[in-house]
């Protein structure tokens, strides 16, 4: 499945709260979510390679899975 990361989510990766979370971590997390996501939904408890816990907000569109934002813990 194709994962599309919004500019907003990419911008948030530069904030201290999302420190040590990479684009690869986000793609891996989005691909692990099973099923179809018709509306924007928050998914909790993913782990970055660095060990940092984060949440993502995603939904499915015709082009693939859209990651709207990332929330670091």
PDB file of N, CA and C in Angstrom:
ATOM      1  N   UNK A   1       0.844  -1.184   0.000  1.00  0.00           N
ATOM      2  CA  UNK A   1       0.000   0.000   0.000  1.00  0.00           C
ATOM      3  C   UNK A   1       0.886   1.243   0.000  1.00  0.00           C
ATOM      4  N   UNK A   2       0.525   2.205  -0.798  1.00  0.00           N
ATOM      5  CA  UNK A   2       1.251   3.461  -0.892  1.00  0.00           C
ATOM      6  C   UNK A   2       0.893   4.341   0.300  1.00  0.00           C
ATOM      7  N   UNK A   3       1.911   4.919   0.936  1.00  0.00           N
ATOM      8  CA  UNK A   3       1.699   5.807   2.082  1.00  0.00           C
ATOM      9  C   UNK A   3       2.087   7.218   1.665  1.00  0.00           C
ATOM     10  N   UNK A   4       1.173   8.161   1.866  1.00  0.00           N
ATOM     11  CA  UNK A   4       1.404   9.566   1.533  1.00  0.00           C
ATOM     12  C   UNK A   4       1.451  10.348   2.837  1.00  0.00           C
ATOM     13  N   UNK A   5       2.525  11.086   3.037  1.00  0.00           N
ATOM     14  CA  UNK A   5       2.692  11.872   4.268  1.00  0.00           C
ATOM     15  C   UNK A   5       2.498  13.340   3.922  1.00  0.00           C
ATOM     16  N   UNK A   6       1.574  13.983   4.611  1.00  0.00           N
ATOM     17  CA  UNK A   6       1.287  15.393   4.335  1.00  0.00           C
ATOM     18  C   UNK A   6       2.459  16.281   4.739  1.00  0.00           C
ATOM     19  N   UNK A   7       2.497  17.465   4.171  1.00  0.00           N
ATOM     20  CA  UNK A   7       3.526  18.445   4.528  1.00  0.00           C
ATOM     21  C   UNK A   7       3.424  18.802   6.007  1.00  0.00           C
ATOM     22  N   UNK A   8       2.201  18.844   6.513  1.00  0.00           N
ATOM     23  CA  UNK A   8       1.998  19.148   7.936  1.00  0.00           C
ATOM     24  C   UNK A   8       2.709  18.108   8.812  1.00  0.00           C
ATOM     25  N   UNK A   9       2.545  16.832   8.472  1.00  0.00           N
ATOM     26  CA  UNK A   9       3.182  15.768   9.247  1.00  0.00           C
ATOM     27  C   UNK A   9       4.705  15.860   9.139  1.00  0.00           C
ATOM     28  N   UNK A  10       5.216  16.133   7.937  1.00  0.00           N
ATOM     29  CA  UNK A  10       6.671  16.272   7.750  1.00  0.00           C
ATOM     30  C   UNK A  10       7.219  17.444   8.568  1.00  0.00           C
ATOM     31  N   UNK A  11       6.451  18.525   8.606  1.00  0.00           N
ATOM     32  CA  UNK A  11       6.865  19.707   9.361  1.00  0.00           C
ATOM     33  C   UNK A  11       6.918  19.406  10.865  1.00  0.00           C
ATOM     34  N   UNK A  12       5.954  18.617  11.335  1.00  0.00           N
ATOM     35  CA  UNK A  12       5.909  18.265  12.760  1.00  0.00           C
ATOM     36  C   UNK A  12       7.096  17.417  13.195  1.00  0.00           C
ATOM     37  N   UNK A  13       7.686  16.666  12.270  1.00  0.00           N
ATOM     38  CA  UNK A  13       8.841  15.834  12.607  1.00  0.00           C
ATOM     39  C   UNK A  13      10.035  16.663  13.071  1.00  0.00           C
ATOM     40  N   UNK A  14      10.029  17.942  12.736  1.00  0.00           N
ATOM     41  CA  UNK A  14      11.134  18.826  13.135  1.00  0.00           C
ATOM     42  C   UNK A  14      10.947  19.396  14.544  1.00  0.00           C
ATOM     43  N   UNK A  15       9.760  19.217  15.111  1.00  0.00           N
ATOM     44  CA  UNK A  15       9.478  19.729  16.456  1.00  0.00           C
ATOM     45  C   UNK A  15      10.111  18.817  17.506  1.00  0.00           C
ATOM     46  N   UNK A  16      10.494  19.373  18.659  1.00  0.00           N
ATOM     47  CA  UNK A  16      11.140  18.581  19.715  1.00  0.00           C
ATOM     48  C   UNK A  16      10.312  17.387  20.197  1.00  0.00           C
ATOM     49  N   UNK A  17       9.008  17.534  20.212  1.00  0.00           N
ATOM     50  CA  UNK A  17       8.139  16.448  20.697  1.00  0.00           C
ATOM     51  C   UNK A  17       8.198  15.209  19.791  1.00  0.00           C
ATOM     52  N   UNK A  18       8.506  15.417  18.519  1.00  0.00           N
ATOM     53  CA  UNK A  18       8.593  14.312  17.563  1.00  0.00           C
ATOM     54  C   UNK A  18      10.045  13.945  17.257  1.00  0.00           C
ATOM     55  N   UNK A  19      10.969  14.404  18.095  1.00  0.00           N
ATOM     56  CA  UNK A  19      12.388  14.135  17.891  1.00  0.00           C
ATOM     57  C   UNK A  19      12.637  12.634  17.803  1.00  0.00           C
ATOM     58  N   UNK A  20      13.492  12.208  16.920  1.00  0.00           N
ATOM     59  CA  UNK A  20      13.881  10.803  16.737  1.00  0.00           C
ATOM     60  C   UNK A  20      12.816   9.942  16.051  1.00  0.00           C
ATOM     61  N   UNK A  21      11.790  10.547  15.469  1.00  0.00           N
ATOM     62  CA  UNK A  21      10.814   9.812  14.666  1.00  0.00           C
ATOM     63  C   UNK A  21      11.135  10.130  13.207  1.00  0.00           C
ATOM     64  N   UNK A  22      11.322   9.093  12.397  1.00  0.00           N
ATOM     65  CA  UNK A  22      11.694   9.303  10.998  1.00  0.00           C
ATOM     66  C   UNK A  22      10.513   9.035  10.063  1.00  0.00           C
ATOM     67  N   UNK A  23      10.677   9.447   8.816  1.00  0.00           N
ATOM     68  CA  UNK A  23       9.664   9.182   7.797  1.00  0.00           C
ATOM     69  C   UNK A  23       9.489   7.671   7.633  1.00  0.00           C
ATOM     70  N   UNK A  24      10.569   6.929   7.702  1.00  0.00           N
ATOM     71  CA  UNK A  24      10.506   5.474   7.600  1.00  0.00           C
ATOM     72  C   UNK A  24       9.661   4.880   8.732  1.00  0.00           C
ATOM     73  N   UNK A  25       9.795   5.422   9.944  1.00  0.00           N
ATOM     74  CA  UNK A  25       8.987   4.964  11.075  1.00  0.00           C
ATOM     75  C   UNK A  25       7.497   5.177  10.796  1.00  0.00           C
ATOM     76  N   UNK A  26       7.164   6.322  10.217  1.00  0.00           N
ATOM     77  CA  UNK A  26       5.767   6.642   9.916  1.00  0.00           C
ATOM     78  C   UNK A  26       5.216   5.702   8.849  1.00  0.00           C
ATOM     79  N   UNK A  27       6.003   5.467   7.806  1.00  0.00           N
ATOM     80  CA  UNK A  27       5.565   4.569   6.731  1.00  0.00           C
ATOM     81  C   UNK A  27       5.332   3.159   7.274  1.00  0.00           C
ATOM     82  N   UNK A  28       6.260   2.663   8.080  1.00  0.00           N
ATOM     83  CA  UNK A  28       6.101   1.327   8.669  1.00  0.00           C
ATOM     84  C   UNK A  28       4.849   1.247   9.526  1.00  0.00           C
ATOM     85  N   UNK A  29       4.596   2.283  10.334  1.00  0.00           N
ATOM     86  CA  UNK A  29       3.416   2.299  11.197  1.00  0.00           C
ATOM     87  C   UNK A  29       2.132   2.311  10.370  1.00  0.00           C
ATOM     88  N   UNK A  30       2.082   3.136   9.340  1.00  0.00           N
ATOM     89  CA  UNK A  30       0.879   3.243   8.511  1.00  0.00           C
ATOM     90  C   UNK A  30       0.597   1.936   7.779  1.00  0.00           C
ATOM     91  N   UNK A  31       1.634   1.233   7.364  1.00  0.00           N
ATOM     92  CA  UNK A  31       1.441  -0.027   6.650  1.00  0.00           C
ATOM     93  C   UNK A  31       0.977  -1.152   7.571  1.00  0.00           C
ATOM     94  N   UNK A  32       1.220  -1.032   8.848  1.00  0.00           N
ATOM     95  CA  UNK A  32       0.816  -2.068   9.808  1.00  0.00           C
ATOM     96  C   UNK A  32      -0.668  -1.997  10.170  1.00  0.00           C
ATOM     97  N   UNK A  33      -1.323  -0.897   9.865  1.00  0.00           N
ATOM     98  CA  UNK A  33      -2.736  -0.735  10.210  1.00  0.00           C
ATOM     99  C   UNK A  33      -3.574  -1.574   9.240  1.00  0.00           C
ATOM    100  N   UNK A  34      -4.333  -2.537   9.752  1.00  0.00           N
ATOM    101  CA  UNK A  34      -5.125  -3.396   8.862  1.00  0.00           C
ATOM    102  C   UNK A  34      -6.432  -2.735   8.433  1.00  0.00           C
ATOM    103  N   UNK A  35      -6.984  -3.223   7.354  1.00  0.00           N
ATOM    104  CA  UNK A  35      -8.312  -2.795   6.918  1.00  0.00           C
ATOM    105  C   UNK A  35      -8.335  -1.469   6.186  1.00  0.00           C
ATOM    106  N   UNK A  36      -9.542  -0.953   6.027  1.00  0.00           N
ATOM    107  CA  UNK A  36      -9.800   0.303   5.315  1.00  0.00           C
ATOM    108  C   UNK A  36     -10.166   1.375   6.338  1.00  0.00           C
ATOM    109  N   UNK A  37      -9.602   2.569   6.183  1.00  0.00           N
ATOM    110  CA  UNK A  37      -9.854   3.678   7.110  1.00  0.00           C
ATOM    111  C   UNK A  37     -10.633   4.760   6.348  1.00  0.00           C
ATOM    112  N   UNK A  38     -11.969   4.783   6.439  1.00  0.00           N
ATOM    113  CA  UNK A  38     -12.762   5.736   5.652  1.00  0.00           C
ATOM    114  C   UNK A  38     -12.699   7.177   6.152  1.00  0.00           C
ATOM    115  N   UNK A  39     -12.494   7.383   7.465  1.00  0.00           N
ATOM    116  CA  UNK A  39     -12.407   8.744   8.012  1.00  0.00           C
ATOM    117  C   UNK A  39     -11.116   8.882   8.807  1.00  0.00           C
ATOM    118  N   UNK A  40     -10.668  10.111   8.978  1.00  0.00           N
ATOM    119  CA  UNK A  40      -9.433  10.364   9.720  1.00  0.00           C
ATOM    120  C   UNK A  40      -9.558   9.795  11.132  1.00  0.00           C
ATOM    121  N   UNK A  41      -8.612   8.932  11.478  1.00  0.00           N
ATOM    122  CA  UNK A  41      -8.651   8.218  12.751  1.00  0.00           C
ATOM    123  C   UNK A  41      -7.272   8.240  13.385  1.00  0.00           C
ATOM    124  N   UNK A  42      -7.245   8.403  14.707  1.00  0.00           N
ATOM    125  CA  UNK A  42      -5.983   8.391  15.437  1.00  0.00           C
ATOM    126  C   UNK A  42      -5.647   6.964  15.857  1.00  0.00           C
ATOM    127  N   UNK A  43      -4.419   6.548  15.549  1.00  0.00           N
ATOM    128  CA  UNK A  43      -3.919   5.232  15.929  1.00  0.00           C
ATOM    129  C   UNK A  43      -2.769   5.444  16.898  1.00  0.00           C
ATOM    130  N   UNK A  44      -2.830   4.766  18.025  1.00  0.00           N
ATOM    131  CA  UNK A  44      -1.902   5.018  19.117  1.00  0.00           C
ATOM    132  C   UNK A  44      -0.899   3.887  19.323  1.00  0.00           C
ATOM    133  N   UNK A  45       0.242   4.270  19.918  1.00  0.00           N
ATOM    134  CA  UNK A  45       1.178   3.290  20.440  1.00  0.00           C
ATOM    135  C   UNK A  45       2.176   2.682  19.472  1.00  0.00           C
ATOM    136  N   UNK A  46       2.603   3.425  18.476  1.00  0.00           N
ATOM    137  CA  UNK A  46       3.649   2.929  17.584  1.00  0.00           C
ATOM    138  C   UNK A  46       5.015   3.276  18.175  1.00  0.00           C
ATOM    139  N   UNK A  47       6.026   2.471  17.840  1.00  0.00           N
ATOM    140  CA  UNK A  47       7.379   2.706  18.324  1.00  0.00           C
ATOM    141  C   UNK A  47       8.302   3.018  17.161  1.00  0.00           C
ATOM    142  N   UNK A  48       9.051   4.123  17.292  1.00  0.00           N
ATOM    143  CA  UNK A  48      10.079   4.453  16.308  1.00  0.00           C
ATOM    144  C   UNK A  48      11.295   3.573  16.580  1.00  0.00           C
ATOM    145  N   UNK A  49      12.196   3.475  15.639  1.00  0.00           N
ATOM    146  CA  UNK A  49      13.423   2.698  15.853  1.00  0.00           C
ATOM    147  C   UNK A  49      14.208   3.201  17.048  1.00  0.00           C
ATOM    148  N   UNK A  50      14.086   4.486  17.322  1.00  0.00           N
ATOM    149  CA  UNK A  50      14.798   5.090  18.447  1.00  0.00           C
ATOM    150  C   UNK A  50      14.178   4.704  19.791  1.00  0.00           C
ATOM    151  N   UNK A  51      12.977   4.113  19.744  1.00  0.00           N
ATOM    152  CA  UNK A  51      12.286   3.745  20.972  1.00  0.00           C
ATOM    153  C   UNK A  51      11.203   4.732  21.366  1.00  0.00           C
ATOM    154  N   UNK A  52      11.123   5.838  20.660  1.00  0.00           N
ATOM    155  CA  UNK A  52      10.116   6.858  20.965  1.00  0.00           C
ATOM    156  C   UNK A  52       8.724   6.361  20.558  1.00  0.00           C
ATOM    157  N   UNK A  53       7.743   6.595  21.414  1.00  0.00           N
ATOM    158  CA  UNK A  53       6.362   6.212  21.144  1.00  0.00           C
ATOM    159  C   UNK A  53       5.667   7.365  20.431  1.00  0.00           C
ATOM    160  N   UNK A  54       4.833   7.029  19.440  1.00  0.00           N
ATOM    161  CA  UNK A  54       4.108   8.072  18.721  1.00  0.00           C
ATOM    162  C   UNK A  54       2.763   7.556  18.231  1.00  0.00           C
ATOM    163  N   UNK A  55       1.879   8.503  17.916  1.00  0.00           N
ATOM    164  CA  UNK A  55       0.566   8.223  17.339  1.00  0.00           C
ATOM    165  C   UNK A  55       0.538   8.823  15.947  1.00  0.00           C
ATOM    166  N   UNK A  56      -0.311   8.285  15.086  1.00  0.00           N
ATOM    167  CA  UNK A  56      -0.528   8.907  13.786  1.00  0.00           C
ATOM    168  C   UNK A  56      -2.025   9.066  13.551  1.00  0.00           C
ATOM    169  N   UNK A  57      -2.374  10.052  12.752  1.00  0.00           N
ATOM    170  CA  UNK A  57      -3.743  10.236  12.291  1.00  0.00           C
ATOM    171  C   UNK A  57      -3.709   9.956  10.800  1.00  0.00           C
ATOM    172  N   UNK A  58      -4.520   9.000  10.364  1.00  0.00           N
ATOM    173  CA  UNK A  58      -4.490   8.579   8.965  1.00  0.00           C
ATOM    174  C   UNK A  58      -5.890   8.302   8.444  1.00  0.00           C
ATOM    175  N   UNK A  59      -5.997   8.279   7.115  1.00  0.00           N
ATOM    176  CA  UNK A  59      -7.225   7.857   6.443  1.00  0.00           C
ATOM    177  C   UNK A  59      -6.851   7.364   5.060  1.00  0.00           C
ATOM    178  N   UNK A  60      -7.705   6.528   4.499  1.00  0.00           N
ATOM    179  CA  UNK A  60      -7.453   6.003   3.165  1.00  0.00           C
ATOM    180  C   UNK A  60      -8.129   6.876   2.125  1.00  0.00           C
ATOM    181  N   UNK A  61      -7.369   7.167   1.065  1.00  0.00           N
ATOM    182  CA  UNK A  61      -7.893   7.889  -0.089  1.00  0.00           C
ATOM    183  C   UNK A  61      -7.605   7.025  -1.314  1.00  0.00           C
ATOM    184  N   UNK A  62      -8.092   7.432  -2.465  1.00  0.00           N
ATOM    185  CA  UNK A  62      -7.910   6.604  -3.660  1.00  0.00           C
ATOM    186  C   UNK A  62      -6.438   6.408  -4.015  1.00  0.00           C
ATOM    187  N   UNK A  63      -5.584   7.375  -3.709  1.00  0.00           N
ATOM    188  CA  UNK A  63      -4.159   7.283  -4.041  1.00  0.00           C
ATOM    189  C   UNK A  63      -3.364   6.428  -3.050  1.00  0.00           C
ATOM    190  N   UNK A  64      -3.939   6.120  -1.886  1.00  0.00           N
ATOM    191  CA  UNK A  64      -3.231   5.322  -0.891  1.00  0.00           C
ATOM    192  C   UNK A  64      -3.645   5.698   0.519  1.00  0.00           C
ATOM    193  N   UNK A  65      -2.769   5.477   1.472  1.00  0.00           N
ATOM    194  CA  UNK A  65      -3.041   5.804   2.874  1.00  0.00           C
ATOM    195  C   UNK A  65      -2.400   7.150   3.194  1.00  0.00           C
ATOM    196  N   UNK A  66      -3.225   8.109   3.573  1.00  0.00           N
ATOM    197  CA  UNK A  66      -2.770   9.472   3.859  1.00  0.00           C
ATOM    198  C   UNK A  66      -2.514   9.611   5.355  1.00  0.00           C
ATOM    199  N   UNK A  67      -1.263   9.976   5.709  1.00  0.00           N
ATOM    200  CA  UNK A  67      -0.916  10.249   7.100  1.00  0.00           C
ATOM    201  C   UNK A  67      -1.033  11.751   7.286  1.00  0.00           C
ATOM    202  N   UNK A  68      -1.987  12.166   8.098  1.00  0.00           N
ATOM    203  CA  UNK A  68      -2.304  13.574   8.262  1.00  0.00           C
ATOM    204  C   UNK A  68      -1.379  14.255   9.266  1.00  0.00           C
ATOM    205  N   UNK A  69      -1.131  13.607  10.391  1.00  0.00           N
ATOM    206  CA  UNK A  69      -0.241  14.198  11.385  1.00  0.00           C
ATOM    207  C   UNK A  69       0.407  13.108  12.236  1.00  0.00           C
ATOM    208  N   UNK A  70       1.435  13.521  12.960  1.00  0.00           N
ATOM    209  CA  UNK A  70       2.187  12.643  13.851  1.00  0.00           C
ATOM    210  C   UNK A  70       2.216  13.294  15.223  1.00  0.00           C
ATOM    211  N   UNK A  71       1.971  12.512  16.264  1.00  0.00           N
ATOM    212  CA  UNK A  71       1.987  13.033  17.629  1.00  0.00           C
ATOM    213  C   UNK A  71       2.971  12.231  18.444  1.00  0.00           C
ATOM    214  N   UNK A  72       4.080  12.848  18.829  1.00  0.00           N
ATOM    215  CA  UNK A  72       5.081  12.182  19.653  1.00  0.00           C
ATOM    216  C   UNK A  72       4.683  12.191  21.109  1.00  0.00           C
ATOM    217  N   UNK A  73       5.174  11.225  21.859  1.00  0.00           N
ATOM    218  CA  UNK A  73       4.857  11.133  23.295  1.00  0.00           C
ATOM    219  C   UNK A  73       6.075  11.485  24.113  1.00  0.00           C
TER     220      UNK A  73
END
